[in-house]
Amino acid sequence: DAEGSLVGGAILPGPQLSLAALVKNTAQLPQVELDARPKRMLGANTADCLQSGMVHGTAAMVDGMVENFRAALHAPEAPVVATGTLPRSVRTACRTDIDYRETLILDGLYTIWQRNARR
């Protein structure tokens, strides 16, 4: 919000978890790497299609959620912070500018500890 307080957020499965579920629960789908952004949007084989779907699909989901959150908050420039295991390939495929902080949760816990230690 205007005071810099966290208004809310969302937790969703990342592409690694989604891919693992597909590979585990369907027949004959290969495990693919998600570290690199796919060379093409439309895959030419099963592995390329999986990679494109995971990377571009997750990026589209993030972009869509951000657009909806910003509209609901009447804050078209609200900052977006991501944490966890969101691969660089997804972050670069997003249209949204994302402040990625891999250790955000630990940083927050440390800040809480520091504030409590002063008491």
PDB file of N, CA and C in Angstrom:
ATOM      1  N   ASP A   1       0.827  -1.184   0.000  1.00  0.00           N
ATOM      2  CA  ASP A   1       0.000   0.000   0.000  1.00  0.00           C
ATOM      3  C   ASP A   1       0.877   1.256   0.000  1.00  0.00           C
ATOM      4  N   ALA A   2       0.282   2.405   0.175  1.00  0.00           N
ATOM      5  CA  ALA A   2       1.019   3.667   0.119  1.00  0.00           C
ATOM      6  C   ALA A   2       2.050   3.783   1.233  1.00  0.00           C
ATOM      7  N   GLU A   3       1.849   3.051   2.331  1.00  0.00           N
ATOM      8  CA  GLU A   3       2.798   3.085   3.447  1.00  0.00           C
ATOM      9  C   GLU A   3       3.872   2.004   3.333  1.00  0.00           C
ATOM     10  N   GLY A   4       3.828   1.224   2.285  1.00  0.00           N
ATOM     11  CA  GLY A   4       4.823   0.172   2.091  1.00  0.00           C
ATOM     12  C   GLY A   4       4.501  -1.126   2.808  1.00  0.00           C
ATOM     13  N   SER A   5       3.283  -1.275   3.278  1.00  0.00           N
ATOM     14  CA  SER A   5       2.878  -2.504   3.960  1.00  0.00           C
ATOM     15  C   SER A   5       2.438  -3.555   2.946  1.00  0.00           C
ATOM     16  N   LEU A   6       2.658  -4.793   3.308  1.00  0.00           N
ATOM     17  CA  LEU A   6       2.214  -5.901   2.459  1.00  0.00           C
ATOM     18  C   LEU A   6       0.700  -5.996   2.527  1.00  0.00           C
ATOM     19  N   VAL A   7       0.058  -5.938   1.390  1.00  0.00           N
ATOM     20  CA  VAL A   7      -1.397  -6.005   1.318  1.00  0.00           C
ATOM     21  C   VAL A   7      -1.857  -7.454   1.203  1.00  0.00           C
ATOM     22  N   GLY A   8      -1.089  -8.279   0.559  1.00  0.00           N
ATOM     23  CA  GLY A   8      -1.456  -9.676   0.372  1.00  0.00           C
ATOM     24  C   GLY A   8      -0.573 -10.306  -0.675  1.00  0.00           C
ATOM     25  N   GLY A   9      -0.888 -11.509  -1.034  1.00  0.00           N
ATOM     26  CA  GLY A   9      -0.070 -12.203  -2.020  1.00  0.00           C
ATOM     27  C   GLY A   9      -0.756 -13.457  -2.505  1.00  0.00           C
ATOM     28  N   ALA A  10       0.001 -14.291  -3.146  1.00  0.00           N
ATOM     29  CA  ALA A  10      -0.515 -15.555  -3.658  1.00  0.00           C
ATOM     30  C   ALA A  10       0.608 -16.579  -3.651  1.00  0.00           C
ATOM     31  N   ILE A  11       0.239 -17.799  -3.404  1.00  0.00           N
ATOM     32  CA  ILE A  11       1.183 -18.912  -3.475  1.00  0.00           C
ATOM     33  C   ILE A  11       0.663 -19.842  -4.560  1.00  0.00           C
ATOM     34  N   LEU A  12       1.542 -20.208  -5.475  1.00  0.00           N
ATOM     35  CA  LEU A  12       1.129 -21.101  -6.552  1.00  0.00           C
ATOM     36  C   LEU A  12       2.263 -22.046  -6.891  1.00  0.00           C
ATOM     37  N   PRO A  13       1.936 -23.178  -7.507  1.00  0.00           N
ATOM     38  CA  PRO A  13       2.999 -24.119  -7.857  1.00  0.00           C
ATOM     39  C   PRO A  13       3.881 -23.542  -8.949  1.00  0.00           C
ATOM     40  N   GLY A  14       5.155 -23.747  -8.800  1.00  0.00           N
ATOM     41  CA  GLY A  14       6.092 -23.308  -9.823  1.00  0.00           C
ATOM     42  C   GLY A  14       6.162 -24.313 -10.955  1.00  0.00           C
ATOM     43  N   PRO A  15       6.922 -23.997 -11.972  1.00  0.00           N
ATOM     44  CA  PRO A  15       7.010 -24.895 -13.119  1.00  0.00           C
ATOM     45  C   PRO A  15       7.653 -26.236 -12.787  1.00  0.00           C
ATOM     46  N   GLN A  16       8.574 -26.271 -11.817  1.00  0.00           N
ATOM     47  CA  GLN A  16       9.200 -27.543 -11.464  1.00  0.00           C
ATOM     48  C   GLN A  16       8.170 -28.505 -10.873  1.00  0.00           C
ATOM     49  N   LEU A  17       7.336 -27.996  -9.962  1.00  0.00           N
ATOM     50  CA  LEU A  17       6.311 -28.842  -9.350  1.00  0.00           C
ATOM     51  C   LEU A  17       5.269 -29.264 -10.379  1.00  0.00           C
ATOM     52  N   SER A  18       4.879 -28.346 -11.234  1.00  0.00           N
ATOM     53  CA  SER A  18       3.911 -28.674 -12.285  1.00  0.00           C
ATOM     54  C   SER A  18       4.464 -29.738 -13.225  1.00  0.00           C
ATOM     55  N   LEU A  19       5.720 -29.578 -13.616  1.00  0.00           N
ATOM     56  CA  LEU A  19       6.354 -30.555 -14.498  1.00  0.00           C
ATOM     57  C   LEU A  19       6.463 -31.913 -13.809  1.00  0.00           C
ATOM     58  N   ALA A  20       6.867 -31.910 -12.546  1.00  0.00           N
ATOM     59  CA  ALA A  20       6.987 -33.173 -11.811  1.00  0.00           C
ATOM     60  C   ALA A  20       5.643 -33.896 -11.749  1.00  0.00           C
ATOM     61  N   ALA A  21       4.569 -33.151 -11.548  1.00  0.00           N
ATOM     62  CA  ALA A  21       3.238 -33.763 -11.509  1.00  0.00           C
ATOM     63  C   ALA A  21       2.863 -34.349 -12.866  1.00  0.00           C
ATOM     64  N   LEU A  22       3.158 -33.634 -13.942  1.00  0.00           N
ATOM     65  CA  LEU A  22       2.869 -34.154 -15.285  1.00  0.00           C
ATOM     66  C   LEU A  22       3.659 -35.425 -15.568  1.00  0.00           C
ATOM     67  N   VAL A  23       4.949 -35.390 -15.270  1.00  0.00           N
ATOM     68  CA  VAL A  23       5.813 -36.539 -15.553  1.00  0.00           C
ATOM     69  C   VAL A  23       5.368 -37.750 -14.734  1.00  0.00           C
ATOM     70  N   LYS A  24       5.014 -37.511 -13.467  1.00  0.00           N
ATOM     71  CA  LYS A  24       4.622 -38.612 -12.584  1.00  0.00           C
ATOM     72  C   LYS A  24       3.255 -39.187 -12.944  1.00  0.00           C
ATOM     73  N   ASN A  25       2.339 -38.347 -13.349  1.00  0.00           N
ATOM     74  CA  ASN A  25       0.946 -38.777 -13.504  1.00  0.00           C
ATOM     75  C   ASN A  25       0.490 -38.996 -14.940  1.00  0.00           C
ATOM     76  N   THR A  26       1.401 -38.945 -15.883  1.00  0.00           N
ATOM     77  CA  THR A  26       1.065 -39.244 -17.272  1.00  0.00           C
ATOM     78  C   THR A  26       2.078 -40.241 -17.820  1.00  0.00           C
ATOM     79  N   ALA A  27       1.739 -40.839 -18.911  1.00  0.00           N
ATOM     80  CA  ALA A  27       2.606 -41.866 -19.480  1.00  0.00           C
ATOM     81  C   ALA A  27       3.644 -41.265 -20.418  1.00  0.00           C
ATOM     82  N   GLN A  28       4.869 -41.651 -20.228  1.00  0.00           N
ATOM     83  CA  GLN A  28       5.962 -41.420 -21.168  1.00  0.00           C
ATOM     84  C   GLN A  28       6.323 -39.959 -21.434  1.00  0.00           C
ATOM     85  N   LEU A  29       6.089 -39.071 -20.492  1.00  0.00           N
ATOM     86  CA  LEU A  29       6.565 -37.701 -20.674  1.00  0.00           C
ATOM     87  C   LEU A  29       7.937 -37.580 -20.038  1.00  0.00           C
ATOM     88  N   PRO A  30       8.883 -36.979 -20.741  1.00  0.00           N
ATOM     89  CA  PRO A  30      10.237 -36.878 -20.213  1.00  0.00           C
ATOM     90  C   PRO A  30      10.390 -35.710 -19.237  1.00  0.00           C
ATOM     91  N   GLN A  31      11.347 -35.838 -18.350  1.00  0.00           N
ATOM     92  CA  GLN A  31      11.743 -34.714 -17.504  1.00  0.00           C
ATOM     93  C   GLN A  31      12.563 -33.774 -18.389  1.00  0.00           C
ATOM     94  N   VAL A  32      12.321 -32.482 -18.312  1.00  0.00           N
ATOM     95  CA  VAL A  32      13.069 -31.521 -19.128  1.00  0.00           C
ATOM     96  C   VAL A  32      13.673 -30.451 -18.232  1.00  0.00           C
ATOM     97  N   GLU A  33      14.687 -29.794 -18.747  1.00  0.00           N
ATOM     98  CA  GLU A  33      15.337 -28.699 -18.027  1.00  0.00           C
ATOM     99  C   GLU A  33      14.522 -27.423 -18.186  1.00  0.00           C
ATOM    100  N   LEU A  34      14.421 -26.659 -17.123  1.00  0.00           N
ATOM    101  CA  LEU A  34      13.675 -25.410 -17.174  1.00  0.00           C
ATOM    102  C   LEU A  34      14.572 -24.200 -16.931  1.00  0.00           C
ATOM    103  N   ASP A  35      15.878 -24.426 -16.863  1.00  0.00           N
ATOM    104  CA  ASP A  35      16.807 -23.332 -16.576  1.00  0.00           C
ATOM    105  C   ASP A  35      16.928 -22.347 -17.728  1.00  0.00           C
ATOM    106  N   ALA A  36      16.876 -22.851 -18.941  1.00  0.00           N
ATOM    107  CA  ALA A  36      17.027 -21.979 -20.115  1.00  0.00           C
ATOM    108  C   ALA A  36      15.661 -21.665 -20.702  1.00  0.00           C
ATOM    109  N   ARG A  37      15.514 -20.450 -21.174  1.00  0.00           N
ATOM    110  CA  ARG A  37      14.269 -20.059 -21.832  1.00  0.00           C
ATOM    111  C   ARG A  37      14.188 -20.796 -23.169  1.00  0.00           C
ATOM    112  N   PRO A  38      13.024 -21.362 -23.505  1.00  0.00           N
ATOM    113  CA  PRO A  38      12.891 -22.090 -24.776  1.00  0.00           C
ATOM    114  C   PRO A  38      13.258 -21.205 -25.969  1.00  0.00           C
ATOM    115  N   LYS A  39      13.899 -21.821 -26.949  1.00  0.00           N
ATOM    116  CA  LYS A  39      14.305 -21.073 -28.148  1.00  0.00           C
ATOM    117  C   LYS A  39      13.096 -20.621 -28.955  1.00  0.00           C
ATOM    118  N   ARG A  40      12.027 -21.404 -28.897  1.00  0.00           N
ATOM    119  CA  ARG A  40      10.811 -21.095 -29.663  1.00  0.00           C
ATOM    120  C   ARG A  40       9.600 -21.213 -28.756  1.00  0.00           C
ATOM    121  N   MET A  41       8.580 -20.431 -29.057  1.00  0.00           N
ATOM    122  CA  MET A  41       7.335 -20.503 -28.291  1.00  0.00           C
ATOM    123  C   MET A  41       6.626 -21.832 -28.547  1.00  0.00           C
ATOM    124  N   LEU A  42       6.588 -22.251 -29.806  1.00  0.00           N
ATOM    125  CA  LEU A  42       5.936 -23.503 -30.176  1.00  0.00           C
ATOM    126  C   LEU A  42       6.984 -24.599 -30.292  1.00  0.00           C
ATOM    127  N   GLY A  43       6.856 -25.615 -29.452  1.00  0.00           N
ATOM    128  CA  GLY A  43       7.813 -26.705 -29.481  1.00  0.00           C
ATOM    129  C   GLY A  43       7.643 -27.588 -30.704  1.00  0.00           C
ATOM    130  N   ALA A  44       8.745 -28.215 -31.118  1.00  0.00           N
ATOM    131  CA  ALA A  44       8.726 -29.085 -32.293  1.00  0.00           C
ATOM    132  C   ALA A  44       8.676 -30.562 -31.907  1.00  0.00           C
ATOM    133  N   ASN A  45       8.884 -30.853 -30.622  1.00  0.00           N
ATOM    134  CA  ASN A  45       8.827 -32.230 -30.139  1.00  0.00           C
ATOM    135  C   ASN A  45       8.294 -32.207 -28.704  1.00  0.00           C
ATOM    136  N   THR A  46       8.101 -33.371 -28.127  1.00  0.00           N
ATOM    137  CA  THR A  46       7.490 -33.448 -26.800  1.00  0.00           C
ATOM    138  C   THR A  46       8.285 -32.680 -25.757  1.00  0.00           C
ATOM    139  N   ALA A  47       9.596 -32.861 -25.739  1.00  0.00           N
ATOM    140  CA  ALA A  47      10.426 -32.181 -24.739  1.00  0.00           C
ATOM    141  C   ALA A  47      10.350 -30.664 -24.902  1.00  0.00           C
ATOM    142  N   ASP A  48      10.444 -30.190 -26.140  1.00  0.00           N
ATOM    143  CA  ASP A  48      10.354 -28.745 -26.389  1.00  0.00           C
ATOM    144  C   ASP A  48       8.980 -28.197 -26.004  1.00  0.00           C
ATOM    145  N   CYS A  49       7.937 -28.974 -26.294  1.00  0.00           N
ATOM    146  CA  CYS A  49       6.573 -28.548 -25.946  1.00  0.00           C
ATOM    147  C   CYS A  49       6.394 -28.460 -24.431  1.00  0.00           C
ATOM    148  N   LEU A  50       6.934 -29.433 -23.707  1.00  0.00           N
ATOM    149  CA  LEU A  50       6.867 -29.391 -22.247  1.00  0.00           C
ATOM    150  C   LEU A  50       7.606 -28.176 -21.702  1.00  0.00           C
ATOM    151  N   GLN A  51       8.812 -27.954 -22.214  1.00  0.00           N
ATOM    152  CA  GLN A  51       9.611 -26.820 -21.744  1.00  0.00           C
ATOM    153  C   GLN A  51       8.891 -25.505 -22.032  1.00  0.00           C
ATOM    154  N   SER A  52       8.370 -25.357 -23.228  1.00  0.00           N
ATOM    155  CA  SER A  52       7.663 -24.134 -23.589  1.00  0.00           C
ATOM    156  C   SER A  52       6.416 -23.952 -22.734  1.00  0.00           C
ATOM    157  N   GLY A  53       5.671 -25.017 -22.550  1.00  0.00           N
ATOM    158  CA  GLY A  53       4.464 -24.939 -21.735  1.00  0.00           C
ATOM    159  C   GLY A  53       4.750 -24.549 -20.301  1.00  0.00           C
ATOM    160  N   MET A  54       5.782 -25.135 -19.727  1.00  0.00           N
ATOM    161  CA  MET A  54       6.124 -24.834 -18.335  1.00  0.00           C
ATOM    162  C   MET A  54       6.632 -23.398 -18.182  1.00  0.00           C
ATOM    163  N   VAL A  55       7.549 -22.996 -19.046  1.00  0.00           N
ATOM    164  CA  VAL A  55       8.156 -21.664 -18.925  1.00  0.00           C
ATOM    165  C   VAL A  55       7.169 -20.573 -19.333  1.00  0.00           C
ATOM    166  N   HIS A  56       6.643 -20.662 -20.547  1.00  0.00           N
ATOM    167  CA  HIS A  56       5.750 -19.602 -21.032  1.00  0.00           C
ATOM    168  C   HIS A  56       4.385 -19.640 -20.337  1.00  0.00           C
ATOM    169  N   GLY A  57       3.918 -20.836 -20.001  1.00  0.00           N
ATOM    170  CA  GLY A  57       2.649 -20.944 -19.285  1.00  0.00           C
ATOM    171  C   GLY A  57       2.728 -20.345 -17.888  1.00  0.00           C
ATOM    172  N   THR A  58       3.821 -20.619 -17.178  1.00  0.00           N
ATOM    173  CA  THR A  58       3.995 -20.033 -15.848  1.00  0.00           C
ATOM    174  C   THR A  58       4.146 -18.522 -15.942  1.00  0.00           C
ATOM    175  N   ALA A  59       4.905 -18.056 -16.926  1.00  0.00           N
ATOM    176  CA  ALA A  59       5.075 -16.606 -17.105  1.00  0.00           C
ATOM    177  C   ALA A  59       3.734 -15.936 -17.388  1.00  0.00           C
ATOM    178  N   ALA A  60       2.916 -16.547 -18.233  1.00  0.00           N
ATOM    179  CA  ALA A  60       1.599 -15.986 -18.547  1.00  0.00           C
ATOM    180  C   ALA A  60       0.701 -15.982 -17.312  1.00  0.00           C
ATOM    181  N   MET A  61       0.801 -17.026 -16.494  1.00  0.00           N
ATOM    182  CA  MET A  61       0.017 -17.090 -15.267  1.00  0.00           C
ATOM    183  C   MET A  61       0.429 -15.964 -14.314  1.00  0.00           C
ATOM    184  N   VAL A  62       1.731 -15.769 -14.145  1.00  0.00           N
ATOM    185  CA  VAL A  62       2.224 -14.695 -13.279  1.00  0.00           C
ATOM    186  C   VAL A  62       1.770 -13.341 -13.812  1.00  0.00           C
ATOM    187  N   ASP A  63       1.974 -13.099 -15.101  1.00  0.00           N
ATOM    188  CA  ASP A  63       1.563 -11.818 -15.693  1.00  0.00           C
ATOM    189  C   ASP A  63       0.068 -11.572 -15.509  1.00  0.00           C
ATOM    190  N   GLY A  64      -0.746 -12.592 -15.724  1.00  0.00           N
ATOM    191  CA  GLY A  64      -2.190 -12.451 -15.573  1.00  0.00           C
ATOM    192  C   GLY A  64      -2.597 -12.167 -14.140  1.00  0.00           C
ATOM    193  N   MET A  65      -1.974 -12.858 -13.197  1.00  0.00           N
ATOM    194  CA  MET A  65      -2.286 -12.615 -11.791  1.00  0.00           C
ATOM    195  C   MET A  65      -1.890 -11.204 -11.381  1.00  0.00           C
ATOM    196  N   VAL A  66      -0.715 -10.766 -11.807  1.00  0.00           N
ATOM    197  CA  VAL A  66      -0.262  -9.411 -11.474  1.00  0.00           C
ATOM    198  C   VAL A  66      -1.229  -8.379 -12.040  1.00  0.00           C
ATOM    199  N   GLU A  67      -1.629  -8.565 -13.277  1.00  0.00           N
ATOM    200  CA  GLU A  67      -2.578  -7.637 -13.901  1.00  0.00           C
ATOM    201  C   GLU A  67      -3.880  -7.574 -13.099  1.00  0.00           C
ATOM    202  N   ASN A  68      -4.390  -8.729 -12.686  1.00  0.00           N
ATOM    203  CA  ASN A  68      -5.630  -8.775 -11.910  1.00  0.00           C
ATOM    204  C   ASN A  68      -5.463  -8.159 -10.523  1.00  0.00           C
ATOM    205  N   PHE A  69      -4.342  -8.432  -9.855  1.00  0.00           N
ATOM    206  CA  PHE A  69      -4.096  -7.843  -8.533  1.00  0.00           C
ATOM    207  C   PHE A  69      -4.003  -6.323  -8.628  1.00  0.00           C
ATOM    208  N   ARG A  70      -3.242  -5.850  -9.609  1.00  0.00           N
ATOM    209  CA  ARG A  70      -3.081  -4.400  -9.764  1.00  0.00           C
ATOM    210  C   ARG A  70      -4.426  -3.730 -10.046  1.00  0.00           C
ATOM    211  N   ALA A  71      -5.260  -4.370 -10.848  1.00  0.00           N
ATOM    212  CA  ALA A  71      -6.587  -3.811 -11.138  1.00  0.00           C
ATOM    213  C   ALA A  71      -7.445  -3.794  -9.875  1.00  0.00           C
ATOM    214  N   ALA A  72      -7.430  -4.875  -9.115  1.00  0.00           N
ATOM    215  CA  ALA A  72      -8.235  -4.956  -7.893  1.00  0.00           C
ATOM    216  C   ALA A  72      -7.793  -3.932  -6.856  1.00  0.00           C
ATOM    217  N   LEU A  73      -6.493  -3.642  -6.833  1.00  0.00           N
ATOM    218  CA  LEU A  73      -5.944  -2.689  -5.864  1.00  0.00           C
ATOM    219  C   LEU A  73      -5.948  -1.255  -6.385  1.00  0.00           C
ATOM    220  N   HIS A  74      -6.361  -1.078  -7.634  1.00  0.00           N
ATOM    221  CA  HIS A  74      -6.291   0.247  -8.278  1.00  0.00           C
ATOM    222  C   HIS A  74      -4.870   0.802  -8.169  1.00  0.00           C
ATOM    223  N   ALA A  75      -3.904  -0.071  -8.419  1.00  0.00           N
ATOM    224  CA  ALA A  75      -2.490   0.281  -8.291  1.00  0.00           C
ATOM    225  C   ALA A  75      -1.727  -0.277  -9.486  1.00  0.00           C
ATOM    226  N   PRO A  76      -1.827   0.385 -10.644  1.00  0.00           N
ATOM    227  CA  PRO A  76      -1.212  -0.160 -11.853  1.00  0.00           C
ATOM    228  C   PRO A  76       0.310  -0.277 -11.800  1.00  0.00           C
ATOM    229  N   GLU A  77       0.939   0.387 -10.861  1.00  0.00           N
ATOM    230  CA  GLU A  77       2.401   0.329 -10.747  1.00  0.00           C
ATOM    231  C   GLU A  77       2.857  -0.416  -9.496  1.00  0.00           C
ATOM    232  N   ALA A  78       1.965  -1.156  -8.845  1.00  0.00           N
ATOM    233  CA  ALA A  78       2.337  -1.882  -7.627  1.00  0.00           C
ATOM    234  C   ALA A  78       3.529  -2.791  -7.911  1.00  0.00           C
ATOM    235  N   PRO A  79       4.531  -2.782  -7.020  1.00  0.00           N
ATOM    236  CA  PRO A  79       5.710  -3.625  -7.246  1.00  0.00           C
ATOM    237  C   PRO A  79       5.381  -5.104  -7.084  1.00  0.00           C
ATOM    238  N   VAL A  80       6.155  -5.922  -7.756  1.00  0.00           N
ATOM    239  CA  VAL A  80       5.974  -7.369  -7.697  1.00  0.00           C
ATOM    240  C   VAL A  80       7.264  -7.983  -7.180  1.00  0.00           C
ATOM    241  N   VAL A  81       7.140  -8.769  -6.123  1.00  0.00           N
ATOM    242  CA  VAL A  81       8.287  -9.447  -5.530  1.00  0.00           C
ATOM    243  C   VAL A  81       8.015 -10.943  -5.593  1.00  0.00           C
ATOM    244  N   ALA A  82       8.991 -11.701  -6.054  1.00  0.00           N
ATOM    245  CA  ALA A  82       8.866 -13.160  -6.106  1.00  0.00           C
ATOM    246  C   ALA A  82       9.977 -13.776  -5.279  1.00  0.00           C
ATOM    247  N   THR A  83       9.675 -14.903  -4.692  1.00  0.00           N
ATOM    248  CA  THR A  83      10.660 -15.647  -3.928  1.00  0.00           C
ATOM    249  C   THR A  83      10.495 -17.123  -4.257  1.00  0.00           C
ATOM    250  N   GLY A  84      11.343 -17.930  -3.700  1.00  0.00           N
ATOM    251  CA  GLY A  84      11.238 -19.360  -3.954  1.00  0.00           C
ATOM    252  C   GLY A  84      12.079 -19.774  -5.145  1.00  0.00           C
ATOM    253  N   THR A  85      11.606 -20.777  -5.843  1.00  0.00           N
ATOM    254  CA  THR A  85      12.414 -21.387  -6.902  1.00  0.00           C
ATOM    255  C   THR A  85      11.925 -21.015  -8.295  1.00  0.00           C
ATOM    256  N   LEU A  86      11.508 -19.771  -8.468  1.00  0.00           N
ATOM    257  CA  LEU A  86      11.058 -19.328  -9.789  1.00  0.00           C
ATOM    258  C   LEU A  86      12.281 -19.201 -10.704  1.00  0.00           C
ATOM    259  N   PRO A  87      12.397 -20.065 -11.707  1.00  0.00           N
ATOM    260  CA  PRO A  87      13.596 -20.047 -12.555  1.00  0.00           C
ATOM    261  C   PRO A  87      13.756 -18.740 -13.329  1.00  0.00           C
ATOM    262  N   ARG A  88      15.005 -18.413 -13.612  1.00  0.00           N
ATOM    263  CA  ARG A  88      15.310 -17.218 -14.407  1.00  0.00           C
ATOM    264  C   ARG A  88      14.595 -17.274 -15.754  1.00  0.00           C
ATOM    265  N   SER A  89      14.463 -18.471 -16.327  1.00  0.00           N
ATOM    266  CA  SER A  89      13.795 -18.602 -17.629  1.00  0.00           C
ATOM    267  C   SER A  89      12.364 -18.077 -17.567  1.00  0.00           C
ATOM    268  N   VAL A  90      11.677 -18.318 -16.465  1.00  0.00           N
ATOM    269  CA  VAL A  90      10.303 -17.829 -16.308  1.00  0.00           C
ATOM    270  C   VAL A  90      10.311 -16.329 -16.063  1.00  0.00           C
ATOM    271  N   ARG A  91      11.193 -15.870 -15.193  1.00  0.00           N
ATOM    272  CA  ARG A  91      11.245 -14.431 -14.889  1.00  0.00           C
ATOM    273  C   ARG A  91      11.519 -13.614 -16.142  1.00  0.00           C
ATOM    274  N   THR A  92      12.390 -14.097 -17.017  1.00  0.00           N
ATOM    275  CA  THR A  92      12.694 -13.340 -18.241  1.00  0.00           C
ATOM    276  C   THR A  92      11.584 -13.467 -19.279  1.00  0.00           C
ATOM    277  N   ALA A  93      10.756 -14.505 -19.162  1.00  0.00           N
ATOM    278  CA  ALA A  93       9.632 -14.658 -20.092  1.00  0.00           C
ATOM    279  C   ALA A  93       8.429 -13.806 -19.669  1.00  0.00           C
ATOM    280  N   CYS A  94       8.420 -13.336 -18.428  1.00  0.00           N
ATOM    281  CA  CYS A  94       7.317 -12.494 -17.940  1.00  0.00           C
ATOM    282  C   CYS A  94       7.403 -11.098 -18.547  1.00  0.00           C
ATOM    283  N   ARG A  95       6.244 -10.512 -18.802  1.00  0.00           N
ATOM    284  CA  ARG A  95       6.190  -9.101 -19.211  1.00  0.00           C
ATOM    285  C   ARG A  95       6.345  -8.195 -17.992  1.00  0.00           C
ATOM    286  N   THR A  96       5.996  -8.724 -16.835  1.00  0.00           N
ATOM    287  CA  THR A  96       6.034  -7.989 -15.574  1.00  0.00           C
ATOM    288  C   THR A  96       7.465  -7.844 -15.076  1.00  0.00           C
ATOM    289  N   ASP A  97       7.793  -6.660 -14.562  1.00  0.00           N
ATOM    290  CA  ASP A  97       9.082  -6.439 -13.912  1.00  0.00           C
ATOM    291  C   ASP A  97       9.000  -7.061 -12.520  1.00  0.00           C
ATOM    292  N   ILE A  98       9.837  -8.040 -12.254  1.00  0.00           N
ATOM    293  CA  ILE A  98       9.776  -8.791 -11.000  1.00  0.00           C
ATOM    294  C   ILE A  98      11.045  -8.565 -10.197  1.00  0.00           C
ATOM    295  N   ASP A  99      10.869  -8.190  -8.935  1.00  0.00           N
ATOM    296  CA  ASP A  99      11.983  -8.095  -7.991  1.00  0.00           C
ATOM    297  C   ASP A  99      12.111  -9.481  -7.365  1.00  0.00           C
ATOM    298  N   TYR A 100      13.093 -10.254  -7.815  1.00  0.00           N
ATOM    299  CA  TYR A 100      13.257 -11.626  -7.338  1.00  0.00           C
ATOM    300  C   TYR A 100      14.207 -11.635  -6.155  1.00  0.00           C
ATOM    301  N   ARG A 101      13.731 -12.178  -5.056  1.00  0.00           N
ATOM    302  CA  ARG A 101      14.540 -12.291  -3.841  1.00  0.00           C
ATOM    303  C   ARG A 101      14.461 -13.732  -3.350  1.00  0.00           C
ATOM    304  N   GLU A 102      15.485 -14.475  -3.668  1.00  0.00           N
ATOM    305  CA  GLU A 102      15.484 -15.906  -3.358  1.00  0.00           C
ATOM    306  C   GLU A 102      15.339 -16.168  -1.863  1.00  0.00           C
ATOM    307  N   THR A 103      15.936 -15.315  -1.027  1.00  0.00           N
ATOM    308  CA  THR A 103      15.924 -15.543   0.418  1.00  0.00           C
ATOM    309  C   THR A 103      14.970 -14.599   1.150  1.00  0.00           C
ATOM    310  N   LEU A 104      13.925 -14.150   0.493  1.00  0.00           N
ATOM    311  CA  LEU A 104      13.004 -13.179   1.090  1.00  0.00           C
ATOM    312  C   LEU A 104      12.439 -13.650   2.428  1.00  0.00           C
ATOM    313  N   ILE A 105      12.050 -14.895   2.524  1.00  0.00           N
ATOM    314  CA  ILE A 105      11.470 -15.412   3.766  1.00  0.00           C
ATOM    315  C   ILE A 105      12.501 -15.347   4.890  1.00  0.00           C
ATOM    316  N   LEU A 106      13.715 -15.788   4.616  1.00  0.00           N
ATOM    317  CA  LEU A 106      14.762 -15.731   5.640  1.00  0.00           C
ATOM    318  C   LEU A 106      15.102 -14.292   6.004  1.00  0.00           C
ATOM    319  N   ASP A 107      15.133 -13.416   5.011  1.00  0.00           N
ATOM    320  CA  ASP A 107      15.393 -11.999   5.282  1.00  0.00           C
ATOM    321  C   ASP A 107      14.320 -11.425   6.199  1.00  0.00           C
ATOM    322  N   GLY A 108      13.074 -11.777   5.947  1.00  0.00           N
ATOM    323  CA  GLY A 108      11.974 -11.304   6.789  1.00  0.00           C
ATOM    324  C   GLY A 108      12.068 -11.832   8.207  1.00  0.00           C
ATOM    325  N   LEU A 109      12.408 -13.099   8.351  1.00  0.00           N
ATOM    326  CA  LEU A 109      12.572 -13.669   9.689  1.00  0.00           C
ATOM    327  C   LEU A 109      13.705 -12.985  10.440  1.00  0.00           C
ATOM    328  N   TYR A 110      14.783 -12.672   9.743  1.00  0.00           N
ATOM    329  CA  TYR A 110      15.909 -11.973  10.367  1.00  0.00           C
ATOM    330  C   TYR A 110      15.487 -10.577  10.827  1.00  0.00           C
ATOM    331  N   THR A 111      14.713  -9.880  10.012  1.00  0.00           N
ATOM    332  CA  THR A 111      14.219  -8.550  10.385  1.00  0.00           C
ATOM    333  C   THR A 111      13.338  -8.639  11.629  1.00  0.00           C
ATOM    334  N   ILE A 112      12.473  -9.634  11.686  1.00  0.00           N
ATOM    335  CA  ILE A 112      11.623  -9.830  12.869  1.00  0.00           C
ATOM    336  C   ILE A 112      12.486 -10.100  14.091  1.00  0.00           C
ATOM    337  N   TRP A 113      13.482 -10.948  13.950  1.00  0.00           N
ATOM    338  CA  TRP A 113      14.381 -11.251  15.064  1.00  0.00           C
ATOM    339  C   TRP A 113      15.087  -9.988  15.542  1.00  0.00           C
ATOM    340  N   GLN A 114      15.585  -9.171  14.592  1.00  0.00           N
ATOM    341  CA  GLN A 114      16.267  -7.931  14.969  1.00  0.00           C
ATOM    342  C   GLN A 114      15.339  -7.006  15.750  1.00  0.00           C
ATOM    343  N   ARG A 115      14.116  -6.860  15.299  1.00  0.00           N
ATOM    344  CA  ARG A 115      13.154  -5.986  15.996  1.00  0.00           C
ATOM    345  C   ARG A 115      12.852  -6.502  17.403  1.00  0.00           C
ATOM    346  N   ASN A 116      12.704  -7.811  17.530  1.00  0.00           N
ATOM    347  CA  ASN A 116      12.423  -8.388  18.846  1.00  0.00           C
ATOM    348  C   ASN A 116      13.633  -8.326  19.766  1.00  0.00           C
ATOM    349  N   ALA A 117      14.834  -8.385  19.216  1.00  0.00           N
ATOM    350  CA  ALA A 117      16.054  -8.337  20.023  1.00  0.00           C
ATOM    351  C   ALA A 117      16.247  -6.966  20.659  1.00  0.00           C
ATOM    352  N   ARG A 118      15.703  -5.934  20.072  1.00  0.00           N
ATOM    353  CA  ARG A 118      15.839  -4.569  20.600  1.00  0.00           C
ATOM    354  C   ARG A 118      14.962  -4.333  21.821  1.00  0.00           C
ATOM    355  N   ARG A 119      13.990  -5.163  22.031  1.00  0.00           N
ATOM    356  CA  ARG A 119      13.044  -4.966  23.146  1.00  0.00           C
ATOM    357  C   ARG A 119      13.655  -5.301  24.464  1.00  0.00           C
TER     358      ARG A 119
END
